[in-house]
Amino acid sequence: MTGAQSASNAFKVVLLGEGRVGKTSLLLRYVENTFSETQTPTVQATYLSKRVALENDGAATLNVWDTAGQERFHALGPIYYRDADAAVLVYDITDSDSFDRVKSWVKELRQIAGSEISLAVCANKSDLERARKVSQSDGETYAKSIGAAFFSTSAKADKGVAQAFMSVATALDAKRGKSAAGGGGAGTKTSGVGRSRSLKIAEEEMKPRGGDCC
């Protein structure tokens, strides 16, 4: 793969989930294959990257932004939605409120990132089946209604995690391929240099402005 091809196959993915739904644990399980029972909640945002091999013998880099789920950080969301290629929406199967929150995030995402953003829904903490409050059929039905892939996941049990992120990478690569085959154009969204600049802008906007601790 040439340098130009490699750059064009870098994608920005936002990871969304309210409070302690386990989205950070999902990301760490995927990128570092680690899990902690005492994972600290995300404040502001961080991102990790992973290079993945694709079935077509190509490769893609997922730059995954792990955003803060607490309500007090909600106003910062648009910073990370900007230029996002995909979003992974996570809810806790034992918390119906977290499922409702996913629905509101989808509306906001599409308003800011556009209707073409790729989506995946993760019904997380599937290892806590006995405490389930959101049925799998409800999750699957909702995901289908918004054109999203659905996955039952558990960072603790390492279930469905790699499959969820791989589906995102595969879908984005296929979309990029169709765009390239169609000749692109002035209105076509691209990755690579522009994407790296977007990540840098977000980092700069999140730097503390004063002595307040977060």
N, C-alpha and C. Protein backbone atom coordinates (compact mmCIF):
# COMPACT_ATOMS: atom_id res chain seq x y z
N MET A 1 0.85 -1.21 0.00
CA MET A 1 0.00 0.00 0.00
C MET A 1 0.88 1.24 0.00
N THR A 2 0.62 2.21 -0.87
CA THR A 2 1.42 3.42 -0.94
C THR A 2 1.10 4.34 0.20
N GLY A 3 1.99 5.37 0.40
CA GLY A 3 1.75 6.32 1.48
C GLY A 3 0.44 7.06 1.29
N ALA A 4 0.12 7.39 0.03
CA ALA A 4 -1.13 8.11 -0.23
C ALA A 4 -2.33 7.26 0.12
N GLN A 5 -2.25 5.96 -0.24
CA GLN A 5 -3.36 5.07 0.08
C GLN A 5 -3.51 4.90 1.57
N SER A 6 -2.36 4.80 2.27
CA SER A 6 -2.40 4.62 3.72
C SER A 6 -3.06 5.80 4.40
N ALA A 7 -2.70 7.03 3.95
CA ALA A 7 -3.26 8.23 4.56
C ALA A 7 -4.75 8.31 4.33
N SER A 8 -5.20 7.92 3.12
CA SER A 8 -6.61 8.04 2.80
C SER A 8 -7.45 6.99 3.51
N ASN A 9 -6.80 6.03 4.14
CA ASN A 9 -7.53 4.99 4.84
C ASN A 9 -7.46 5.17 6.35
N ALA A 10 -7.30 6.39 6.79
CA ALA A 10 -7.37 6.71 8.22
C ALA A 10 -8.74 7.32 8.48
N PHE A 11 -9.44 6.80 9.49
CA PHE A 11 -10.81 7.24 9.74
C PHE A 11 -10.99 7.72 11.17
N LYS A 12 -11.79 8.73 11.33
CA LYS A 12 -12.10 9.26 12.65
C LYS A 12 -13.41 8.65 13.15
N VAL A 13 -13.36 8.03 14.31
CA VAL A 13 -14.52 7.37 14.91
C VAL A 13 -14.75 7.96 16.30
N VAL A 14 -15.98 8.33 16.61
CA VAL A 14 -16.30 8.81 17.95
C VAL A 14 -17.02 7.71 18.72
N LEU A 15 -16.62 7.55 19.98
CA LEU A 15 -17.19 6.53 20.85
C LEU A 15 -18.05 7.24 21.88
N LEU A 16 -19.35 6.94 21.87
CA LEU A 16 -20.30 7.65 22.73
C LEU A 16 -21.02 6.70 23.67
N GLY A 17 -21.20 7.15 24.90
CA GLY A 17 -21.93 6.36 25.88
C GLY A 17 -22.03 7.14 27.17
N GLU A 18 -23.15 7.02 27.84
CA GLU A 18 -23.39 7.81 29.05
C GLU A 18 -22.80 7.16 30.29
N GLY A 19 -22.10 8.00 31.07
CA GLY A 19 -21.61 7.54 32.38
C GLY A 19 -20.78 6.29 32.32
N ARG A 20 -21.17 5.30 33.12
CA ARG A 20 -20.38 4.08 33.25
C ARG A 20 -20.92 2.92 32.40
N VAL A 21 -21.11 3.18 31.12
CA VAL A 21 -21.61 2.11 30.25
C VAL A 21 -20.50 1.17 29.80
N GLY A 22 -19.24 1.59 30.03
CA GLY A 22 -18.13 0.72 29.69
C GLY A 22 -17.46 0.99 28.36
N LYS A 23 -17.68 2.18 27.78
CA LYS A 23 -17.10 2.45 26.47
C LYS A 23 -15.58 2.51 26.52
N THR A 24 -15.02 3.10 27.58
CA THR A 24 -13.56 3.15 27.69
C THR A 24 -12.99 1.74 27.81
N SER A 25 -13.68 0.90 28.55
CA SER A 25 -13.23 -0.49 28.68
C SER A 25 -13.28 -1.21 27.35
N LEU A 26 -14.30 -0.92 26.54
CA LEU A 26 -14.39 -1.52 25.20
C LEU A 26 -13.19 -1.12 24.35
N LEU A 27 -12.86 0.18 24.40
CA LEU A 27 -11.76 0.67 23.58
C LEU A 27 -10.42 0.09 24.03
N LEU A 28 -10.20 0.03 25.33
CA LEU A 28 -8.96 -0.52 25.84
C LEU A 28 -8.86 -2.02 25.57
N ARG A 29 -9.99 -2.70 25.63
CA ARG A 29 -9.98 -4.13 25.29
C ARG A 29 -9.60 -4.32 23.82
N TYR A 30 -10.14 -3.46 22.98
CA TYR A 30 -9.88 -3.59 21.55
C TYR A 30 -8.44 -3.23 21.18
N VAL A 31 -7.97 -2.09 21.68
CA VAL A 31 -6.65 -1.60 21.27
C VAL A 31 -5.52 -2.27 22.03
N GLU A 32 -5.69 -2.45 23.36
CA GLU A 32 -4.60 -2.95 24.19
C GLU A 32 -4.86 -4.34 24.77
N ASN A 33 -6.06 -4.88 24.54
CA ASN A 33 -6.46 -6.18 25.09
C ASN A 33 -6.29 -6.21 26.61
N THR A 34 -6.75 -5.14 27.26
CA THR A 34 -6.70 -5.07 28.73
C THR A 34 -8.10 -4.77 29.26
N PHE A 35 -8.30 -5.09 30.54
CA PHE A 35 -9.58 -4.79 31.20
C PHE A 35 -9.33 -4.55 32.68
N SER A 36 -10.01 -3.52 33.23
CA SER A 36 -9.91 -3.21 34.65
C SER A 36 -11.30 -3.04 35.24
N GLU A 37 -11.52 -3.64 36.39
CA GLU A 37 -12.80 -3.50 37.08
C GLU A 37 -12.99 -2.09 37.64
N THR A 38 -11.90 -1.34 37.76
CA THR A 38 -11.95 -0.01 38.37
C THR A 38 -11.56 1.07 37.37
N GLN A 39 -12.06 0.94 36.15
CA GLN A 39 -11.74 1.91 35.10
C GLN A 39 -12.26 3.30 35.48
N THR A 40 -11.39 4.31 35.40
CA THR A 40 -11.77 5.68 35.72
C THR A 40 -12.63 6.27 34.62
N PRO A 41 -13.76 6.93 34.96
CA PRO A 41 -14.61 7.54 33.92
C PRO A 41 -13.84 8.57 33.10
N THR A 42 -14.16 8.64 31.83
CA THR A 42 -13.50 9.59 30.93
C THR A 42 -13.98 11.01 31.21
N VAL A 43 -13.02 11.94 31.30
CA VAL A 43 -13.35 13.36 31.37
C VAL A 43 -12.70 14.02 30.16
N GLN A 44 -13.36 15.05 29.62
CA GLN A 44 -12.94 15.65 28.36
C GLN A 44 -12.94 14.55 27.29
N ALA A 45 -11.80 14.21 26.72
CA ALA A 45 -11.77 13.16 25.70
C ALA A 45 -10.33 12.73 25.44
N THR A 46 -10.18 11.51 25.03
CA THR A 46 -8.88 11.00 24.61
C THR A 46 -9.10 10.18 23.33
N TYR A 47 -8.03 9.88 22.63
CA TYR A 47 -8.22 8.99 21.48
C TYR A 47 -7.05 8.03 21.35
N LEU A 48 -7.37 6.85 20.86
CA LEU A 48 -6.40 5.81 20.60
C LEU A 48 -6.54 5.38 19.14
N SER A 49 -5.45 4.93 18.58
CA SER A 49 -5.46 4.50 17.18
C SER A 49 -5.12 3.03 17.08
N LYS A 50 -5.73 2.38 16.10
CA LYS A 50 -5.40 0.98 15.82
C LYS A 50 -5.43 0.73 14.33
N ARG A 51 -4.39 0.08 13.86
CA ARG A 51 -4.29 -0.31 12.45
C ARG A 51 -4.89 -1.70 12.31
N VAL A 52 -5.81 -1.86 11.37
CA VAL A 52 -6.47 -3.16 11.21
C VAL A 52 -6.33 -3.65 9.78
N ALA A 53 -6.15 -4.96 9.64
CA ALA A 53 -6.10 -5.58 8.32
C ALA A 53 -7.51 -5.86 7.85
N LEU A 54 -7.75 -5.64 6.57
CA LEU A 54 -9.07 -5.81 6.00
C LEU A 54 -9.11 -7.05 5.10
N GLU A 55 -10.30 -7.55 4.86
CA GLU A 55 -10.45 -8.78 4.07
C GLU A 55 -9.98 -8.63 2.64
N ASN A 56 -9.93 -7.40 2.14
CA ASN A 56 -9.50 -7.17 0.75
C ASN A 56 -7.99 -7.01 0.63
N ASP A 57 -7.26 -7.44 1.68
CA ASP A 57 -5.81 -7.34 1.75
C ASP A 57 -5.32 -5.93 1.95
N GLY A 58 -6.22 -5.01 2.21
CA GLY A 58 -5.83 -3.65 2.52
C GLY A 58 -5.75 -3.47 4.03
N ALA A 59 -5.68 -2.23 4.46
CA ALA A 59 -5.61 -1.93 5.89
C ALA A 59 -6.25 -0.58 6.13
N ALA A 60 -6.66 -0.36 7.37
CA ALA A 60 -7.25 0.92 7.75
C ALA A 60 -6.79 1.27 9.16
N THR A 61 -6.70 2.56 9.42
CA THR A 61 -6.37 3.04 10.76
C THR A 61 -7.62 3.69 11.35
N LEU A 62 -8.04 3.20 12.50
CA LEU A 62 -9.15 3.81 13.21
C LEU A 62 -8.61 4.72 14.30
N ASN A 63 -8.89 6.01 14.19
CA ASN A 63 -8.56 6.96 15.25
C ASN A 63 -9.83 7.15 16.07
N VAL A 64 -9.89 6.47 17.21
CA VAL A 64 -11.14 6.41 17.99
C VAL A 64 -11.09 7.40 19.14
N TRP A 65 -12.01 8.36 19.11
CA TRP A 65 -12.14 9.34 20.17
C TRP A 65 -13.10 8.81 21.24
N ASP A 66 -12.60 8.71 22.45
CA ASP A 66 -13.39 8.29 23.60
C ASP A 66 -13.87 9.54 24.32
N THR A 67 -15.14 9.87 24.16
CA THR A 67 -15.68 11.12 24.68
C THR A 67 -16.27 10.95 26.08
N ALA A 68 -16.29 12.04 26.83
CA ALA A 68 -16.86 12.02 28.17
C ALA A 68 -18.38 11.88 28.09
N GLY A 69 -18.94 10.98 28.89
CA GLY A 69 -20.37 10.74 28.82
C GLY A 69 -21.19 11.52 29.81
N GLN A 70 -20.52 12.15 30.80
CA GLN A 70 -21.28 12.87 31.82
C GLN A 70 -21.97 14.09 31.22
N GLU A 71 -23.14 14.39 31.75
CA GLU A 71 -23.96 15.46 31.20
C GLU A 71 -23.23 16.81 31.18
N ARG A 72 -22.37 17.05 32.18
CA ARG A 72 -21.70 18.36 32.24
C ARG A 72 -20.73 18.58 31.08
N PHE A 73 -20.38 17.50 30.37
CA PHE A 73 -19.48 17.62 29.23
C PHE A 73 -20.23 17.59 27.90
N HIS A 74 -21.56 17.58 27.97
CA HIS A 74 -22.37 17.41 26.76
C HIS A 74 -22.09 18.49 25.72
N ALA A 75 -21.88 19.73 26.16
CA ALA A 75 -21.68 20.84 25.22
C ALA A 75 -20.41 20.69 24.40
N LEU A 76 -19.49 19.83 24.85
CA LEU A 76 -18.24 19.64 24.13
C LEU A 76 -18.38 18.65 22.98
N GLY A 77 -19.49 17.94 22.93
CA GLY A 77 -19.68 16.90 21.92
C GLY A 77 -19.42 17.34 20.50
N PRO A 78 -19.96 18.48 20.05
CA PRO A 78 -19.77 18.90 18.65
C PRO A 78 -18.31 19.00 18.22
N ILE A 79 -17.40 19.25 19.17
CA ILE A 79 -15.98 19.32 18.82
C ILE A 79 -15.53 18.00 18.22
N TYR A 80 -16.05 16.91 18.77
CA TYR A 80 -15.60 15.59 18.36
C TYR A 80 -16.43 15.01 17.22
N TYR A 81 -17.67 15.47 17.06
CA TYR A 81 -18.50 15.00 15.96
C TYR A 81 -17.99 15.54 14.63
N ARG A 82 -17.34 16.69 14.67
CA ARG A 82 -16.87 17.37 13.47
C ARG A 82 -15.97 16.44 12.66
N ASP A 83 -16.33 16.27 11.41
CA ASP A 83 -15.55 15.45 10.47
C ASP A 83 -15.47 13.98 10.86
N ALA A 84 -16.33 13.51 11.74
CA ALA A 84 -16.31 12.09 12.11
C ALA A 84 -16.82 11.24 10.95
N ASP A 85 -16.15 10.13 10.73
CA ASP A 85 -16.58 9.20 9.69
C ASP A 85 -17.58 8.20 10.23
N ALA A 86 -17.48 7.89 11.53
CA ALA A 86 -18.35 6.89 12.12
C ALA A 86 -18.50 7.15 13.62
N ALA A 87 -19.53 6.55 14.18
CA ALA A 87 -19.74 6.64 15.63
C ALA A 87 -20.12 5.26 16.15
N VAL A 88 -19.55 4.89 17.28
CA VAL A 88 -19.92 3.67 17.98
C VAL A 88 -20.67 4.10 19.23
N LEU A 89 -21.96 3.76 19.28
CA LEU A 89 -22.82 4.17 20.39
C LEU A 89 -22.99 3.02 21.35
N VAL A 90 -22.68 3.27 22.62
CA VAL A 90 -22.65 2.21 23.62
C VAL A 90 -23.69 2.46 24.70
N TYR A 91 -24.45 1.41 25.02
CA TYR A 91 -25.33 1.49 26.18
C TYR A 91 -25.12 0.26 27.05
N ASP A 92 -25.54 0.38 28.29
CA ASP A 92 -25.41 -0.68 29.29
C ASP A 92 -26.73 -1.45 29.32
N ILE A 93 -26.71 -2.75 29.09
CA ILE A 93 -27.96 -3.51 29.03
C ILE A 93 -28.69 -3.53 30.36
N THR A 94 -28.02 -3.13 31.45
CA THR A 94 -28.67 -3.09 32.77
C THR A 94 -29.20 -1.70 33.11
N ASP A 95 -29.09 -0.76 32.15
CA ASP A 95 -29.48 0.64 32.41
C ASP A 95 -30.30 1.16 31.23
N SER A 96 -31.60 1.21 31.38
CA SER A 96 -32.47 1.65 30.28
C SER A 96 -32.27 3.12 29.94
N ASP A 97 -31.86 3.93 30.91
CA ASP A 97 -31.61 5.35 30.63
C ASP A 97 -30.47 5.51 29.64
N SER A 98 -29.46 4.66 29.75
CA SER A 98 -28.32 4.76 28.84
C SER A 98 -28.73 4.41 27.41
N PHE A 99 -29.73 3.56 27.27
CA PHE A 99 -30.26 3.21 25.95
C PHE A 99 -31.01 4.40 25.37
N ASP A 100 -31.79 5.09 26.18
CA ASP A 100 -32.51 6.28 25.73
C ASP A 100 -31.54 7.37 25.31
N ARG A 101 -30.42 7.46 26.01
CA ARG A 101 -29.42 8.50 25.71
C ARG A 101 -28.82 8.28 24.31
N VAL A 102 -28.65 7.04 23.94
CA VAL A 102 -28.12 6.73 22.62
C VAL A 102 -29.01 7.33 21.54
N LYS A 103 -30.31 7.24 21.73
CA LYS A 103 -31.26 7.75 20.74
C LYS A 103 -31.10 9.25 20.53
N SER A 104 -30.87 9.99 21.61
CA SER A 104 -30.72 11.44 21.48
C SER A 104 -29.38 11.79 20.83
N TRP A 105 -28.36 10.99 21.09
CA TRP A 105 -27.06 11.24 20.48
C TRP A 105 -27.11 11.04 18.97
N VAL A 106 -27.85 10.08 18.51
CA VAL A 106 -27.94 9.82 17.08
C VAL A 106 -28.50 11.05 16.35
N LYS A 107 -29.52 11.65 16.90
CA LYS A 107 -30.11 12.84 16.28
C LYS A 107 -29.09 13.97 16.21
N GLU A 108 -28.36 14.16 17.29
CA GLU A 108 -27.36 15.22 17.36
C GLU A 108 -26.21 14.95 16.39
N LEU A 109 -25.77 13.72 16.35
CA LEU A 109 -24.68 13.34 15.44
C LEU A 109 -25.03 13.66 14.00
N ARG A 110 -26.21 13.27 13.59
CA ARG A 110 -26.60 13.46 12.21
C ARG A 110 -26.79 14.94 11.86
N GLN A 111 -27.17 15.74 12.82
CA GLN A 111 -27.31 17.17 12.59
C GLN A 111 -25.95 17.80 12.34
N ILE A 112 -24.93 17.33 13.04
CA ILE A 112 -23.60 17.94 12.97
C ILE A 112 -22.70 17.25 11.96
N ALA A 113 -22.67 15.92 11.98
CA ALA A 113 -21.75 15.17 11.12
C ALA A 113 -22.37 14.79 9.78
N GLY A 114 -23.69 14.91 9.67
CA GLY A 114 -24.35 14.57 8.42
C GLY A 114 -25.00 13.20 8.46
N SER A 115 -25.94 12.98 7.58
CA SER A 115 -26.71 11.74 7.59
C SER A 115 -25.92 10.53 7.10
N GLU A 116 -24.77 10.77 6.47
CA GLU A 116 -23.98 9.67 5.91
C GLU A 116 -23.03 9.04 6.92
N ILE A 117 -22.95 9.57 8.13
CA ILE A 117 -22.05 9.01 9.12
C ILE A 117 -22.42 7.55 9.41
N SER A 118 -21.42 6.68 9.43
CA SER A 118 -21.66 5.27 9.71
C SER A 118 -21.86 5.06 11.21
N LEU A 119 -22.79 4.17 11.55
CA LEU A 119 -23.12 3.96 12.96
C LEU A 119 -23.06 2.49 13.34
N ALA A 120 -22.64 2.25 14.57
CA ALA A 120 -22.70 0.91 15.15
C ALA A 120 -23.20 1.07 16.58
N VAL A 121 -24.05 0.16 17.01
CA VAL A 121 -24.61 0.19 18.37
C VAL A 121 -24.09 -1.02 19.13
N CYS A 122 -23.55 -0.77 20.31
CA CYS A 122 -23.04 -1.85 21.17
C CYS A 122 -23.88 -1.96 22.43
N ALA A 123 -24.52 -3.11 22.62
CA ALA A 123 -25.25 -3.39 23.86
C ALA A 123 -24.23 -4.01 24.81
N ASN A 124 -23.65 -3.18 25.65
CA ASN A 124 -22.50 -3.61 26.44
C ASN A 124 -22.88 -4.24 27.79
N LYS A 125 -21.92 -4.89 28.39
CA LYS A 125 -22.04 -5.61 29.66
C LYS A 125 -22.96 -6.83 29.52
N SER A 126 -22.80 -7.50 28.41
CA SER A 126 -23.63 -8.69 28.17
C SER A 126 -23.32 -9.82 29.16
N ASP A 127 -22.24 -9.68 29.90
CA ASP A 127 -21.92 -10.66 30.94
C ASP A 127 -22.85 -10.53 32.16
N LEU A 128 -23.63 -9.43 32.20
CA LEU A 128 -24.56 -9.20 33.31
C LEU A 128 -26.00 -9.51 32.88
N GLU A 129 -26.17 -10.61 32.22
CA GLU A 129 -27.47 -10.99 31.66
C GLU A 129 -28.58 -11.02 32.69
N ARG A 130 -28.30 -11.47 33.89
CA ARG A 130 -29.34 -11.57 34.91
C ARG A 130 -29.89 -10.22 35.35
N ALA A 131 -29.12 -9.17 35.13
CA ALA A 131 -29.55 -7.82 35.52
C ALA A 131 -30.05 -7.02 34.33
N ARG A 132 -30.25 -7.67 33.19
CA ARG A 132 -30.64 -6.99 31.96
C ARG A 132 -31.94 -6.20 32.12
N LYS A 133 -31.92 -4.95 31.61
CA LYS A 133 -33.12 -4.10 31.61
C LYS A 133 -33.56 -3.75 30.18
N VAL A 134 -32.65 -3.87 29.24
CA VAL A 134 -32.95 -3.58 27.83
C VAL A 134 -32.83 -4.88 27.05
N SER A 135 -33.93 -5.32 26.45
CA SER A 135 -33.90 -6.60 25.74
C SER A 135 -33.04 -6.49 24.48
N GLN A 136 -32.49 -7.61 24.08
CA GLN A 136 -31.68 -7.60 22.86
C GLN A 136 -32.53 -7.26 21.65
N SER A 137 -33.76 -7.71 21.62
CA SER A 137 -34.62 -7.41 20.48
C SER A 137 -34.87 -5.92 20.35
N ASP A 138 -35.01 -5.22 21.49
CA ASP A 138 -35.20 -3.76 21.44
C ASP A 138 -33.96 -3.09 20.86
N GLY A 139 -32.79 -3.56 21.29
CA GLY A 139 -31.55 -2.98 20.78
C GLY A 139 -31.38 -3.23 19.30
N GLU A 140 -31.66 -4.45 18.88
CA GLU A 140 -31.53 -4.80 17.47
C GLU A 140 -32.52 -4.02 16.60
N THR A 141 -33.75 -3.89 17.10
CA THR A 141 -34.77 -3.17 16.34
C THR A 141 -34.40 -1.71 16.17
N TYR A 142 -33.89 -1.10 17.25
CA TYR A 142 -33.50 0.31 17.16
C TYR A 142 -32.33 0.48 16.20
N ALA A 143 -31.32 -0.38 16.32
CA ALA A 143 -30.16 -0.27 15.44
C ALA A 143 -30.58 -0.38 13.98
N LYS A 144 -31.48 -1.30 13.68
CA LYS A 144 -31.97 -1.48 12.31
C LYS A 144 -32.70 -0.23 11.83
N SER A 145 -33.43 0.42 12.74
CA SER A 145 -34.22 1.61 12.36
C SER A 145 -33.34 2.78 11.96
N ILE A 146 -32.10 2.81 12.45
CA ILE A 146 -31.20 3.92 12.12
C ILE A 146 -30.10 3.49 11.15
N GLY A 147 -30.22 2.28 10.63
CA GLY A 147 -29.24 1.79 9.67
C GLY A 147 -27.89 1.48 10.29
N ALA A 148 -27.89 1.07 11.55
CA ALA A 148 -26.64 0.80 12.26
C ALA A 148 -26.43 -0.70 12.44
N ALA A 149 -25.18 -1.09 12.51
CA ALA A 149 -24.86 -2.48 12.85
C ALA A 149 -25.06 -2.63 14.36
N PHE A 150 -25.47 -3.83 14.79
CA PHE A 150 -25.73 -4.07 16.21
C PHE A 150 -24.82 -5.18 16.72
N PHE A 151 -24.26 -4.96 17.93
CA PHE A 151 -23.40 -5.96 18.54
C PHE A 151 -23.68 -6.07 20.03
N SER A 152 -23.74 -7.29 20.50
CA SER A 152 -23.82 -7.56 21.94
C SER A 152 -22.39 -7.72 22.41
N THR A 153 -21.96 -6.86 23.33
CA THR A 153 -20.55 -6.83 23.70
C THR A 153 -20.32 -6.94 25.21
N SER A 154 -19.13 -7.36 25.54
CA SER A 154 -18.67 -7.37 26.93
C SER A 154 -17.17 -7.18 26.92
N ALA A 155 -16.72 -6.03 27.46
CA ALA A 155 -15.28 -5.79 27.56
C ALA A 155 -14.66 -6.77 28.54
N LYS A 156 -15.40 -7.08 29.59
CA LYS A 156 -14.88 -7.98 30.62
C LYS A 156 -14.66 -9.39 30.05
N ALA A 157 -15.64 -9.89 29.33
CA ALA A 157 -15.56 -11.25 28.78
C ALA A 157 -14.91 -11.27 27.40
N ASP A 158 -14.54 -10.09 26.89
CA ASP A 158 -13.96 -9.96 25.55
C ASP A 158 -14.89 -10.60 24.51
N LYS A 159 -16.14 -10.17 24.53
CA LYS A 159 -17.14 -10.71 23.63
C LYS A 159 -17.64 -9.63 22.67
N GLY A 160 -17.52 -9.87 21.39
CA GLY A 160 -18.09 -8.98 20.38
C GLY A 160 -17.34 -7.69 20.15
N VAL A 161 -16.28 -7.44 20.91
CA VAL A 161 -15.58 -6.15 20.84
C VAL A 161 -14.86 -5.99 19.50
N ALA A 162 -14.00 -6.94 19.17
CA ALA A 162 -13.25 -6.85 17.92
C ALA A 162 -14.19 -6.83 16.72
N GLN A 163 -15.27 -7.61 16.81
CA GLN A 163 -16.22 -7.67 15.70
C GLN A 163 -16.89 -6.32 15.46
N ALA A 164 -17.20 -5.61 16.54
CA ALA A 164 -17.85 -4.31 16.40
C ALA A 164 -16.96 -3.30 15.70
N PHE A 165 -15.72 -3.20 16.14
CA PHE A 165 -14.81 -2.23 15.53
C PHE A 165 -14.41 -2.65 14.11
N MET A 166 -14.27 -3.95 13.90
CA MET A 166 -13.93 -4.42 12.55
C MET A 166 -15.05 -4.10 11.57
N SER A 167 -16.30 -4.20 12.03
CA SER A 167 -17.42 -3.88 11.13
C SER A 167 -17.37 -2.41 10.73
N VAL A 168 -16.96 -1.55 11.66
CA VAL A 168 -16.84 -0.13 11.37
C VAL A 168 -15.75 0.10 10.33
N ALA A 169 -14.59 -0.52 10.54
CA ALA A 169 -13.47 -0.36 9.61
C ALA A 169 -13.85 -0.86 8.22
N THR A 170 -14.51 -2.00 8.15
CA THR A 170 -14.90 -2.59 6.87
C THR A 170 -15.90 -1.70 6.13
N ALA A 171 -16.89 -1.19 6.88
CA ALA A 171 -17.91 -0.33 6.27
C ALA A 171 -17.30 0.96 5.75
N LEU A 172 -16.39 1.54 6.53
CA LEU A 172 -15.76 2.80 6.11
C LEU A 172 -14.86 2.59 4.90
N ASP A 173 -14.14 1.49 4.88
CA ASP A 173 -13.27 1.20 3.74
C ASP A 173 -14.10 1.00 2.47
N ALA A 174 -15.22 0.31 2.63
CA ALA A 174 -16.10 0.09 1.47
C ALA A 174 -16.67 1.41 0.98
N LYS A 175 -17.04 2.27 1.90
CA LYS A 175 -17.59 3.58 1.53
C LYS A 175 -16.52 4.42 0.82
N ARG A 176 -15.31 4.37 1.34
CA ARG A 176 -14.22 5.11 0.71
C ARG A 176 -13.96 4.59 -0.71
N GLY A 177 -14.03 3.26 -0.85
CA GLY A 177 -13.82 2.68 -2.17
C GLY A 177 -14.86 3.11 -3.17
N LYS A 178 -16.11 3.16 -2.74
CA LYS A 178 -17.19 3.61 -3.64
C LYS A 178 -17.00 5.06 -4.02
N SER A 179 -16.57 5.88 -3.04
CA SER A 179 -16.35 7.30 -3.30
C SER A 179 -15.23 7.48 -4.32
N ALA A 180 -14.15 6.70 -4.15
CA ALA A 180 -13.02 6.80 -5.08
C ALA A 180 -13.43 6.34 -6.47
N ALA A 181 -14.22 5.27 -6.55
CA ALA A 181 -14.66 4.75 -7.84
C ALA A 181 -15.55 5.75 -8.55
N GLY A 182 -16.29 6.54 -7.74
CA GLY A 182 -17.20 7.52 -8.32
C GLY A 182 -16.52 8.80 -8.74
N GLY A 183 -15.22 8.91 -8.46
CA GLY A 183 -14.48 10.09 -8.90
C GLY A 183 -14.43 11.19 -7.89
N GLY A 184 -15.06 10.97 -6.68
CA GLY A 184 -15.00 12.00 -5.65
C GLY A 184 -15.72 13.25 -6.08
N GLY A 185 -15.03 14.37 -6.01
CA GLY A 185 -15.64 15.64 -6.37
C GLY A 185 -15.45 16.63 -5.26
N ALA A 186 -15.83 17.87 -5.51
CA ALA A 186 -15.60 18.93 -4.54
C ALA A 186 -16.33 18.69 -3.25
N GLY A 187 -17.48 18.00 -3.32
CA GLY A 187 -18.26 17.81 -2.10
C GLY A 187 -17.95 16.53 -1.38
N THR A 188 -16.97 15.75 -1.90
CA THR A 188 -16.68 14.47 -1.30
C THR A 188 -15.83 14.62 -0.06
N LYS A 189 -16.21 13.96 1.00
CA LYS A 189 -15.48 14.00 2.25
C LYS A 189 -14.25 13.11 2.15
N THR A 190 -13.10 13.59 2.57
CA THR A 190 -11.87 12.81 2.51
C THR A 190 -11.25 12.67 3.87
N SER A 191 -10.34 11.68 3.99
CA SER A 191 -9.63 11.46 5.24
C SER A 191 -8.19 11.88 5.04
N GLY A 192 -7.27 11.38 5.88
CA GLY A 192 -5.86 11.66 5.71
C GLY A 192 -5.45 12.97 6.35
N VAL A 193 -4.81 13.87 5.57
CA VAL A 193 -4.27 15.11 6.11
C VAL A 193 -5.35 15.93 6.77
N GLY A 194 -6.51 16.05 6.11
CA GLY A 194 -7.60 16.83 6.69
C GLY A 194 -8.07 16.25 7.99
N ARG A 195 -8.09 14.92 8.09
CA ARG A 195 -8.52 14.27 9.31
C ARG A 195 -7.54 14.54 10.44
N SER A 196 -6.23 14.47 10.15
CA SER A 196 -5.22 14.72 11.17
C SER A 196 -5.35 16.13 11.71
N ARG A 197 -5.64 17.06 10.82
CA ARG A 197 -5.81 18.45 11.24
C ARG A 197 -7.02 18.58 12.15
N SER A 198 -8.09 17.86 11.84
CA SER A 198 -9.28 17.90 12.67
C SER A 198 -8.98 17.41 14.08
N LEU A 199 -8.20 16.32 14.18
CA LEU A 199 -7.84 15.80 15.49
C LEU A 199 -7.03 16.82 16.27
N LYS A 200 -6.10 17.52 15.58
CA LYS A 200 -5.28 18.51 16.24
C LYS A 200 -6.11 19.68 16.74
N ILE A 201 -7.07 20.11 15.94
CA ILE A 201 -7.94 21.21 16.34
C ILE A 201 -8.68 20.84 17.62
N ALA A 202 -9.22 19.65 17.68
CA ALA A 202 -9.95 19.22 18.87
C ALA A 202 -9.06 19.21 20.09
N GLU A 203 -7.80 18.77 19.93
CA GLU A 203 -6.87 18.74 21.05
C GLU A 203 -6.63 20.15 21.57
N GLU A 204 -6.44 21.09 20.64
CA GLU A 204 -6.17 22.47 21.03
C GLU A 204 -7.36 23.09 21.75
N GLU A 205 -8.57 22.82 21.28
CA GLU A 205 -9.76 23.39 21.88
C GLU A 205 -9.99 22.85 23.29
N MET A 206 -9.45 21.67 23.57
CA MET A 206 -9.68 21.05 24.87
C MET A 206 -8.63 21.42 25.90
N LYS A 207 -7.58 22.15 25.51
CA LYS A 207 -6.55 22.52 26.47
C LYS A 207 -7.14 23.44 27.54
N PRO A 208 -6.79 23.25 28.83
CA PRO A 208 -7.32 24.09 29.91
C PRO A 208 -7.00 25.56 29.65
N ARG A 209 -8.01 26.40 29.90
CA ARG A 209 -7.84 27.84 29.69
C ARG A 209 -7.35 28.56 30.95
N GLY A 210 -7.45 27.92 32.06
CA GLY A 210 -7.04 28.57 33.30
C GLY A 210 -6.53 27.57 34.29
N GLY A 211 -6.66 27.86 35.57
CA GLY A 211 -6.12 26.98 36.59
C GLY A 211 -7.12 25.98 37.12
N ASP A 212 -8.31 25.91 36.52
CA ASP A 212 -9.32 24.97 36.99
C ASP A 212 -8.89 23.54 36.75
N CYS A 213 -9.13 22.74 37.71
CA CYS A 213 -8.80 21.32 37.56
C CYS A 213 -10.01 20.57 37.01
N CYS A 214 -9.78 19.57 36.16
CA CYS A 214 -10.89 18.78 35.62
C CYS A 214 -10.67 17.35 36.06
